[in-house]
Amino acid sequence: MSIRVTLDRVLLDRRMSLTELSERVGVTLANLSILKTGKAKAIRFSTLEALCRELQCQPGDILIFDEDEDGAERVAAE
């Protein structure tokens, strides 16, 4: 996947647990865990907005485009 989720780093910087974030944004702990571990295939803008509001960050602080990873997959497939 070329989009990496850095929610764990942002939570660490804010000294906030995943459980606390879950309660604040109204998203289940299971769904946030899936997002945090990078197993999510999509995220709703409303969820992203709630995360950014509570964590006082920008979407780019949580989601990072990793061009190298995508390029490495393309080369390996050829």
Protein backbone atom coordinates (compact mmCIF):
# COMPACT_ATOMS: atom_id res chain seq x y z
CA MET A 1 0.00 0.00 0.00
CA SER A 2 1.41 3.40 -0.87
CA ILE A 3 -0.57 5.28 1.79
CA ARG A 4 0.81 4.83 5.31
CA VAL A 5 -1.13 5.64 8.46
CA THR A 6 0.93 7.29 11.21
CA LEU A 7 -1.83 7.50 13.80
CA ASP A 8 0.33 5.73 16.39
CA ARG A 9 3.00 8.44 16.14
CA VAL A 10 0.44 11.25 16.43
CA LEU A 11 -1.15 9.57 19.46
CA LEU A 12 2.26 9.18 21.08
CA ASP A 13 3.05 12.86 20.46
CA ARG A 14 -0.29 13.84 22.05
CA ARG A 15 0.12 11.35 24.92
CA MET A 16 -3.31 9.96 24.14
CA SER A 17 -4.43 6.35 24.11
CA LEU A 18 -6.39 4.76 21.31
CA THR A 19 -9.21 4.13 23.80
CA GLU A 20 -9.37 7.81 24.73
CA LEU A 21 -9.41 8.84 21.07
CA SER A 22 -12.15 6.31 20.38
CA GLU A 23 -14.35 7.82 23.09
CA ARG A 24 -13.71 11.38 21.90
CA VAL A 25 -14.46 10.80 18.19
CA GLY A 26 -17.20 8.18 18.53
CA VAL A 27 -15.43 5.56 16.44
CA THR A 28 -15.14 2.03 17.77
CA LEU A 29 -11.84 0.91 19.22
CA ALA A 30 -11.80 -1.97 16.72
CA ASN A 31 -12.12 0.38 13.74
CA LEU A 32 -9.44 2.73 15.03
CA SER A 33 -7.17 -0.26 15.62
CA ILE A 34 -7.65 -1.36 12.01
CA LEU A 35 -6.79 2.14 10.87
CA LYS A 36 -3.78 2.41 13.19
CA THR A 37 -2.28 -0.89 12.03
CA GLY A 38 -2.60 0.09 8.37
CA LYS A 39 -5.14 -2.62 7.55
CA ALA A 40 -7.92 -0.18 6.60
CA LYS A 41 -8.77 0.04 2.90
CA ALA A 42 -10.66 3.35 3.21
CA ILE A 43 -11.53 6.13 5.62
CA ARG A 44 -14.57 8.40 5.62
CA PHE A 45 -13.91 12.11 5.43
CA SER A 46 -16.15 12.57 8.48
CA THR A 47 -13.91 10.18 10.45
CA LEU A 48 -10.75 11.90 9.21
CA GLU A 49 -12.24 15.27 10.15
CA ALA A 50 -13.11 14.04 13.66
CA LEU A 51 -9.61 12.61 14.14
CA CYS A 52 -7.96 15.84 13.00
CA ARG A 53 -10.23 17.92 15.22
CA GLU A 54 -9.48 15.88 18.35
CA LEU A 55 -5.77 15.46 17.62
CA GLN A 56 -5.41 19.08 16.47
CA CYS A 57 -3.58 18.05 13.33
CA GLN A 58 -3.86 18.02 9.56
CA PRO A 59 -4.77 14.95 7.45
CA GLY A 60 -1.16 14.85 6.23
CA ASP A 61 -0.05 14.28 9.81
CA ILE A 62 -2.00 11.02 9.88
CA LEU A 63 -1.79 9.85 6.25
CA ILE A 64 1.48 9.77 4.32
CA PHE A 65 1.96 8.90 0.65
CA ASP A 66 4.96 6.59 0.38
CA GLU A 67 6.06 6.79 -3.24
CA ASP A 68 9.07 4.52 -2.72
CA GLU A 69 6.91 1.64 -1.55
CA ASP A 70 4.65 1.89 -4.61
CA GLY A 71 7.65 2.09 -6.96
CA ALA A 72 9.26 -0.93 -5.33
CA GLU A 73 6.11 -2.99 -5.90
CA ARG A 74 5.95 -1.93 -9.54
CA VAL A 75 9.62 -2.92 -10.17
CA ALA A 76 9.18 -6.26 -8.41
CA ALA A 77 6.15 -7.08 -10.57
CA GLU A 78 7.96 -6.39 -13.88
